[in-house]
Amino acid sequence: MKARIGIGVACIAALCFAAAAAGAQERAGEAEVRAGTAGAAEPAGPAEEKIQSAKGMVEYGLLAISIGIIVVGGAIGTAMAQSSIGTAVAAACAEDRKFLGAGLLLLALPETILILVLGMAFMMLQKIP
C-alpha cells in the first residue's frame, strides 16, 4: 500500500514540475511578445548565446524527463489496478458466466487512466520544439 501511495505522489510531483516548466516557458514567450522583442533581439555575444541555449536545453530536458515519469507512473498505476480487477473477474466468471460482460467493462475502466495520461503527454510534448 505504501508503494502505491509513493508512486502516486511521485506522479503528481512530476506533473506539477512539468506544468510549472511549461507555464514558465509560455509566460516568457508572452513577455517577449508584449515587449515586442520576439525574435528581434540578438544575444550580446557568443557567450550569451551559449548561456541562453543551455538554459533552453535544460528546460526542455526536464520537461521531457517529467513527461516520461508521468507516463510510466500512469502505466504502473493502470497495471496495478487491472491486476486486482482481473483476478476478481476471473474468479467471478469461474463461478458464473453471467459476470463476464460486467467484468470486462470493469477491466477496461483503468485503461482510461493510461489513455488520458498519454493524451496529456502528447499535449506537453508540443511544448518541446
N, C-alpha and C. Protein backbone atom coordinates (compact mmCIF):
# COMPACT_ATOMS: atom_id res chain seq x y z
N MET A 1 0.83 -1.19 0.00
CA MET A 1 0.00 0.00 0.00
C MET A 1 0.87 1.26 0.00
N LYS A 2 1.97 1.23 0.76
CA LYS A 2 2.85 2.40 0.81
C LYS A 2 3.52 2.63 -0.53
N ALA A 3 3.81 1.54 -1.25
CA ALA A 3 4.43 1.70 -2.57
C ALA A 3 3.48 2.38 -3.53
N ARG A 4 2.20 2.05 -3.47
CA ARG A 4 1.21 2.68 -4.34
C ARG A 4 1.09 4.16 -4.04
N ILE A 5 1.09 4.50 -2.77
CA ILE A 5 1.00 5.91 -2.39
C ILE A 5 2.24 6.65 -2.86
N GLY A 6 3.40 6.03 -2.72
CA GLY A 6 4.64 6.65 -3.17
C GLY A 6 4.65 6.88 -4.67
N ILE A 7 4.16 5.91 -5.44
CA ILE A 7 4.10 6.06 -6.89
C ILE A 7 3.14 7.19 -7.25
N GLY A 8 2.01 7.25 -6.57
CA GLY A 8 1.05 8.31 -6.83
C GLY A 8 1.61 9.69 -6.53
N VAL A 9 2.30 9.80 -5.41
CA VAL A 9 2.90 11.09 -5.04
C VAL A 9 3.99 11.48 -6.04
N ALA A 10 4.79 10.51 -6.49
CA ALA A 10 5.83 10.82 -7.47
C ALA A 10 5.23 11.28 -8.79
N CYS A 11 4.14 10.66 -9.21
CA CYS A 11 3.49 11.07 -10.46
C CYS A 11 2.91 12.48 -10.34
N ILE A 12 2.29 12.77 -9.22
CA ILE A 12 1.72 14.10 -9.02
C ILE A 12 2.83 15.15 -8.98
N ALA A 13 3.94 14.83 -8.32
CA ALA A 13 5.05 15.77 -8.26
C ALA A 13 5.63 16.02 -9.66
N ALA A 14 5.76 14.96 -10.45
CA ALA A 14 6.28 15.12 -11.81
C ALA A 14 5.33 15.94 -12.66
N LEU A 15 4.03 15.72 -12.48
CA LEU A 15 3.04 16.50 -13.22
C LEU A 15 3.12 17.98 -12.85
N CYS A 16 3.25 18.28 -11.57
CA CYS A 16 3.36 19.67 -11.13
C CYS A 16 4.63 20.31 -11.67
N PHE A 17 5.73 19.55 -11.65
CA PHE A 17 7.00 20.07 -12.17
C PHE A 17 6.90 20.36 -13.66
N ALA A 18 6.29 19.45 -14.41
CA ALA A 18 6.16 19.64 -15.85
C ALA A 18 5.25 20.83 -16.16
N ALA A 19 4.16 20.96 -15.41
CA ALA A 19 3.25 22.08 -15.63
C ALA A 19 3.93 23.40 -15.31
N ALA A 20 4.73 23.42 -14.26
CA ALA A 20 5.43 24.65 -13.89
C ALA A 20 6.46 25.03 -14.96
N ALA A 21 7.19 24.04 -15.48
CA ALA A 21 8.17 24.33 -16.53
C ALA A 21 7.50 24.81 -17.80
N ALA A 22 6.40 24.18 -18.18
CA ALA A 22 5.69 24.60 -19.39
C ALA A 22 5.08 25.98 -19.21
N GLY A 23 4.54 26.25 -18.02
CA GLY A 23 3.96 27.56 -17.76
C GLY A 23 5.00 28.67 -17.77
N ALA A 24 6.17 28.40 -17.21
CA ALA A 24 7.24 29.41 -17.20
C ALA A 24 7.71 29.69 -18.62
N GLN A 25 7.80 28.66 -19.42
CA GLN A 25 8.22 28.85 -20.80
C GLN A 25 7.18 29.67 -21.57
N GLU A 26 5.91 29.39 -21.34
CA GLU A 26 4.86 30.12 -22.04
C GLU A 26 4.81 31.58 -21.59
N ARG A 27 4.98 31.82 -20.29
CA ARG A 27 4.97 33.21 -19.79
C ARG A 27 6.15 33.99 -20.35
N ALA A 28 7.30 33.34 -20.50
CA ALA A 28 8.46 34.03 -21.07
C ALA A 28 8.20 34.40 -22.52
N GLY A 29 7.55 33.52 -23.25
CA GLY A 29 7.21 33.83 -24.64
C GLY A 29 6.21 34.95 -24.74
N GLU A 30 5.22 34.98 -23.84
CA GLU A 30 4.23 36.06 -23.84
C GLU A 30 4.88 37.39 -23.48
N ALA A 31 5.84 37.38 -22.56
CA ALA A 31 6.52 38.61 -22.18
C ALA A 31 7.33 39.16 -23.35
N GLU A 32 7.95 38.28 -24.14
CA GLU A 32 8.68 38.73 -25.31
C GLU A 32 7.75 39.35 -26.34
N VAL A 33 6.59 38.74 -26.52
CA VAL A 33 5.63 39.26 -27.49
C VAL A 33 5.13 40.64 -27.04
N ARG A 34 4.82 40.79 -25.75
CA ARG A 34 4.34 42.08 -25.24
C ARG A 34 5.42 43.15 -25.36
N ALA A 35 6.67 42.77 -25.14
CA ALA A 35 7.75 43.74 -25.22
C ALA A 35 8.15 44.03 -26.66
N GLY A 36 7.67 43.22 -27.58
CA GLY A 36 7.99 43.42 -28.99
C GLY A 36 9.38 42.95 -29.35
N THR A 37 9.94 42.07 -28.54
CA THR A 37 11.30 41.59 -28.80
C THR A 37 11.31 40.15 -29.25
N ALA A 38 10.20 39.60 -29.64
CA ALA A 38 10.16 38.20 -30.03
C ALA A 38 10.96 37.98 -31.31
N GLY A 39 12.12 37.41 -31.16
CA GLY A 39 12.97 37.10 -32.30
C GLY A 39 13.75 38.28 -32.82
N ALA A 40 13.52 39.48 -32.31
CA ALA A 40 14.19 40.66 -32.83
C ALA A 40 15.54 40.90 -32.17
N ALA A 41 15.62 40.69 -30.89
CA ALA A 41 16.86 40.99 -30.17
C ALA A 41 17.82 39.82 -30.26
N GLU A 42 19.04 40.12 -30.63
CA GLU A 42 20.08 39.10 -30.70
C GLU A 42 20.87 39.11 -29.41
N PRO A 43 21.40 37.97 -28.99
CA PRO A 43 22.26 37.96 -27.80
C PRO A 43 23.49 38.85 -28.00
N ALA A 44 24.05 39.29 -26.89
CA ALA A 44 25.18 40.24 -26.94
C ALA A 44 26.40 39.62 -27.59
N GLY A 45 26.65 38.37 -27.40
CA GLY A 45 27.83 37.74 -27.98
C GLY A 45 27.70 36.24 -27.95
N PRO A 46 28.75 35.55 -28.38
CA PRO A 46 28.69 34.10 -28.41
C PRO A 46 28.52 33.47 -27.03
N ALA A 47 29.09 34.09 -26.00
CA ALA A 47 28.95 33.54 -24.65
C ALA A 47 27.51 33.63 -24.17
N GLU A 48 26.89 34.78 -24.43
CA GLU A 48 25.48 34.97 -24.04
C GLU A 48 24.59 33.99 -24.81
N GLU A 49 24.90 33.76 -26.07
CA GLU A 49 24.13 32.83 -26.88
C GLU A 49 24.23 31.41 -26.33
N LYS A 50 25.42 31.00 -25.91
CA LYS A 50 25.61 29.66 -25.34
C LYS A 50 24.85 29.51 -24.04
N ILE A 51 24.82 30.56 -23.23
CA ILE A 51 24.10 30.50 -21.95
C ILE A 51 22.61 30.35 -22.21
N GLN A 52 22.06 31.15 -23.13
CA GLN A 52 20.63 31.06 -23.45
C GLN A 52 20.29 29.69 -24.02
N SER A 53 21.15 29.15 -24.86
CA SER A 53 20.93 27.83 -25.44
C SER A 53 20.94 26.75 -24.37
N ALA A 54 21.87 26.85 -23.42
CA ALA A 54 21.96 25.87 -22.34
C ALA A 54 20.74 25.93 -21.44
N LYS A 55 20.25 27.14 -21.15
CA LYS A 55 19.06 27.27 -20.32
C LYS A 55 17.85 26.64 -21.00
N GLY A 56 17.73 26.85 -22.32
CA GLY A 56 16.61 26.26 -23.05
C GLY A 56 16.69 24.74 -23.08
N MET A 57 17.89 24.21 -23.25
CA MET A 57 18.06 22.77 -23.28
C MET A 57 17.73 22.14 -21.94
N VAL A 58 18.12 22.80 -20.85
CA VAL A 58 17.82 22.27 -19.52
C VAL A 58 16.31 22.24 -19.29
N GLU A 59 15.63 23.32 -19.68
CA GLU A 59 14.18 23.36 -19.51
C GLU A 59 13.50 22.26 -20.32
N TYR A 60 13.91 22.10 -21.56
CA TYR A 60 13.29 21.07 -22.40
C TYR A 60 13.63 19.67 -21.90
N GLY A 61 14.85 19.49 -21.42
CA GLY A 61 15.24 18.19 -20.89
C GLY A 61 14.45 17.81 -19.66
N LEU A 62 14.28 18.77 -18.75
CA LEU A 62 13.50 18.49 -17.55
C LEU A 62 12.03 18.24 -17.89
N LEU A 63 11.51 18.95 -18.88
CA LEU A 63 10.13 18.72 -19.30
C LEU A 63 10.00 17.31 -19.89
N ALA A 64 10.96 16.88 -20.68
CA ALA A 64 10.91 15.55 -21.27
C ALA A 64 11.02 14.46 -20.20
N ILE A 65 11.89 14.67 -19.21
CA ILE A 65 12.03 13.69 -18.13
C ILE A 65 10.74 13.59 -17.33
N SER A 66 10.13 14.73 -17.03
CA SER A 66 8.89 14.69 -16.25
C SER A 66 7.75 14.05 -17.04
N ILE A 67 7.72 14.24 -18.35
CA ILE A 67 6.71 13.56 -19.17
C ILE A 67 6.91 12.05 -19.09
N GLY A 68 8.16 11.61 -19.15
CA GLY A 68 8.44 10.17 -19.05
C GLY A 68 8.01 9.61 -17.71
N ILE A 69 8.26 10.35 -16.63
CA ILE A 69 7.86 9.88 -15.30
C ILE A 69 6.34 9.79 -15.21
N ILE A 70 5.65 10.76 -15.78
CA ILE A 70 4.18 10.75 -15.75
C ILE A 70 3.63 9.54 -16.49
N VAL A 71 4.17 9.26 -17.68
CA VAL A 71 3.67 8.13 -18.47
C VAL A 71 3.96 6.81 -17.77
N VAL A 72 5.15 6.66 -17.24
CA VAL A 72 5.50 5.41 -16.54
C VAL A 72 4.63 5.24 -15.29
N GLY A 73 4.43 6.32 -14.55
CA GLY A 73 3.57 6.25 -13.37
C GLY A 73 2.14 5.87 -13.71
N GLY A 74 1.62 6.44 -14.78
CA GLY A 74 0.27 6.09 -15.22
C GLY A 74 0.16 4.64 -15.65
N ALA A 75 1.19 4.15 -16.33
CA ALA A 75 1.18 2.75 -16.77
C ALA A 75 1.26 1.81 -15.58
N ILE A 76 2.09 2.14 -14.60
CA ILE A 76 2.20 1.30 -13.40
C ILE A 76 0.89 1.31 -12.62
N GLY A 77 0.29 2.48 -12.48
CA GLY A 77 -0.99 2.57 -11.77
C GLY A 77 -2.09 1.77 -12.47
N THR A 78 -2.13 1.84 -13.79
CA THR A 78 -3.12 1.08 -14.55
C THR A 78 -2.88 -0.42 -14.40
N ALA A 79 -1.64 -0.84 -14.46
CA ALA A 79 -1.32 -2.26 -14.31
C ALA A 79 -1.69 -2.78 -12.93
N MET A 80 -1.44 -1.97 -11.91
CA MET A 80 -1.78 -2.41 -10.55
C MET A 80 -3.29 -2.52 -10.37
N ALA A 81 -4.03 -1.59 -10.96
CA ALA A 81 -5.49 -1.65 -10.86
C ALA A 81 -6.04 -2.85 -11.62
N GLN A 82 -5.50 -3.08 -12.82
CA GLN A 82 -6.01 -4.19 -13.63
C GLN A 82 -5.64 -5.54 -13.06
N SER A 83 -4.54 -5.62 -12.34
CA SER A 83 -4.17 -6.92 -11.80
C SER A 83 -5.18 -7.40 -10.76
N SER A 84 -5.61 -6.51 -9.90
CA SER A 84 -6.58 -6.93 -8.89
C SER A 84 -7.97 -7.13 -9.50
N ILE A 85 -8.33 -6.30 -10.46
CA ILE A 85 -9.64 -6.45 -11.10
C ILE A 85 -9.67 -7.73 -11.94
N GLY A 86 -8.59 -8.01 -12.65
CA GLY A 86 -8.55 -9.21 -13.50
C GLY A 86 -8.69 -10.48 -12.69
N THR A 87 -8.06 -10.52 -11.53
CA THR A 87 -8.17 -11.69 -10.66
C THR A 87 -9.60 -11.89 -10.19
N ALA A 88 -10.24 -10.80 -9.80
CA ALA A 88 -11.62 -10.89 -9.32
C ALA A 88 -12.58 -11.28 -10.44
N VAL A 89 -12.37 -10.76 -11.64
CA VAL A 89 -13.23 -11.11 -12.77
C VAL A 89 -13.06 -12.58 -13.13
N ALA A 90 -11.84 -13.08 -13.12
CA ALA A 90 -11.61 -14.49 -13.44
C ALA A 90 -12.29 -15.39 -12.41
N ALA A 91 -12.22 -15.01 -11.13
CA ALA A 91 -12.88 -15.81 -10.10
C ALA A 91 -14.39 -15.77 -10.23
N ALA A 92 -14.93 -14.58 -10.54
CA ALA A 92 -16.38 -14.46 -10.69
C ALA A 92 -16.89 -15.22 -11.90
N CYS A 93 -16.14 -15.18 -13.00
CA CYS A 93 -16.56 -15.90 -14.21
C CYS A 93 -16.42 -17.40 -14.05
N ALA A 94 -15.53 -17.85 -13.18
CA ALA A 94 -15.40 -19.28 -12.93
C ALA A 94 -16.63 -19.81 -12.22
N GLU A 95 -17.23 -18.97 -11.40
CA GLU A 95 -18.43 -19.39 -10.68
C GLU A 95 -19.68 -19.27 -11.55
N ASP A 96 -19.79 -18.15 -12.27
CA ASP A 96 -20.99 -17.92 -13.08
C ASP A 96 -20.61 -17.07 -14.29
N ARG A 97 -20.98 -17.55 -15.49
CA ARG A 97 -20.59 -16.88 -16.73
C ARG A 97 -21.31 -15.56 -16.95
N LYS A 98 -22.38 -15.27 -16.21
CA LYS A 98 -23.13 -14.03 -16.45
C LYS A 98 -22.35 -12.79 -15.99
N PHE A 99 -21.27 -12.96 -15.25
CA PHE A 99 -20.47 -11.82 -14.79
C PHE A 99 -19.41 -11.40 -15.81
N LEU A 100 -19.35 -12.10 -16.95
CA LEU A 100 -18.30 -11.83 -17.93
C LEU A 100 -18.41 -10.42 -18.52
N GLY A 101 -19.61 -9.98 -18.90
CA GLY A 101 -19.78 -8.66 -19.51
C GLY A 101 -19.41 -7.53 -18.56
N ALA A 102 -19.94 -7.61 -17.36
CA ALA A 102 -19.62 -6.58 -16.36
C ALA A 102 -18.14 -6.63 -15.99
N GLY A 103 -17.59 -7.83 -15.94
CA GLY A 103 -16.18 -7.97 -15.60
C GLY A 103 -15.27 -7.36 -16.66
N LEU A 104 -15.61 -7.56 -17.93
CA LEU A 104 -14.81 -6.96 -19.00
C LEU A 104 -14.91 -5.44 -18.98
N LEU A 105 -16.08 -4.93 -18.67
CA LEU A 105 -16.24 -3.48 -18.56
C LEU A 105 -15.40 -2.93 -17.41
N LEU A 106 -15.43 -3.61 -16.27
CA LEU A 106 -14.62 -3.16 -15.14
C LEU A 106 -13.13 -3.29 -15.42
N LEU A 107 -12.76 -4.27 -16.24
CA LEU A 107 -11.35 -4.44 -16.58
C LEU A 107 -10.87 -3.36 -17.54
N ALA A 108 -11.78 -2.82 -18.35
CA ALA A 108 -11.40 -1.77 -19.31
C ALA A 108 -11.36 -0.38 -18.69
N LEU A 109 -12.00 -0.18 -17.55
CA LEU A 109 -12.04 1.15 -16.94
C LEU A 109 -10.66 1.72 -16.58
N PRO A 110 -9.75 0.94 -16.01
CA PRO A 110 -8.44 1.52 -15.69
C PRO A 110 -7.63 1.94 -16.93
N GLU A 111 -7.95 1.39 -18.08
CA GLU A 111 -7.25 1.78 -19.30
C GLU A 111 -7.48 3.24 -19.64
N THR A 112 -8.62 3.78 -19.21
CA THR A 112 -8.89 5.20 -19.49
C THR A 112 -7.87 6.09 -18.78
N ILE A 113 -7.34 5.65 -17.65
CA ILE A 113 -6.31 6.41 -16.96
C ILE A 113 -5.09 6.55 -17.87
N LEU A 114 -4.67 5.46 -18.45
CA LEU A 114 -3.49 5.48 -19.32
C LEU A 114 -3.76 6.27 -20.59
N ILE A 115 -4.95 6.18 -21.12
CA ILE A 115 -5.29 6.95 -22.33
C ILE A 115 -5.23 8.44 -22.03
N LEU A 116 -5.76 8.86 -20.89
CA LEU A 116 -5.70 10.27 -20.51
C LEU A 116 -4.27 10.72 -20.26
N VAL A 117 -3.47 9.87 -19.63
CA VAL A 117 -2.07 10.21 -19.38
C VAL A 117 -1.31 10.37 -20.69
N LEU A 118 -1.53 9.49 -21.63
CA LEU A 118 -0.85 9.59 -22.93
C LEU A 118 -1.30 10.83 -23.68
N GLY A 119 -2.58 11.16 -23.61
CA GLY A 119 -3.07 12.38 -24.25
C GLY A 119 -2.42 13.62 -23.65
N MET A 120 -2.31 13.64 -22.34
CA MET A 120 -1.66 14.76 -21.67
C MET A 120 -0.18 14.82 -22.04
N ALA A 121 0.46 13.68 -22.14
CA ALA A 121 1.88 13.66 -22.50
C ALA A 121 2.09 14.20 -23.92
N PHE A 122 1.23 13.83 -24.84
CA PHE A 122 1.37 14.35 -26.20
C PHE A 122 1.13 15.85 -26.25
N MET A 123 0.20 16.35 -25.45
CA MET A 123 -0.02 17.80 -25.40
C MET A 123 1.20 18.51 -24.82
N MET A 124 1.83 17.90 -23.82
CA MET A 124 3.01 18.53 -23.24
C MET A 124 4.22 18.43 -24.16
N LEU A 125 4.28 17.40 -24.98
CA LEU A 125 5.37 17.27 -25.95
C LEU A 125 5.32 18.36 -27.01
N GLN A 126 4.16 18.96 -27.21
CA GLN A 126 4.05 20.05 -28.17
C GLN A 126 4.83 21.29 -27.72
N LYS A 127 5.16 21.37 -26.42
CA LYS A 127 5.93 22.49 -25.90
C LYS A 127 7.42 22.38 -26.25
N ILE A 128 7.86 21.17 -26.61
CA ILE A 128 9.27 20.96 -26.94
C ILE A 128 9.43 21.14 -28.44
N PRO A 129 10.31 22.06 -28.85
CA PRO A 129 10.46 22.28 -30.31
C PRO A 129 11.22 21.14 -30.99
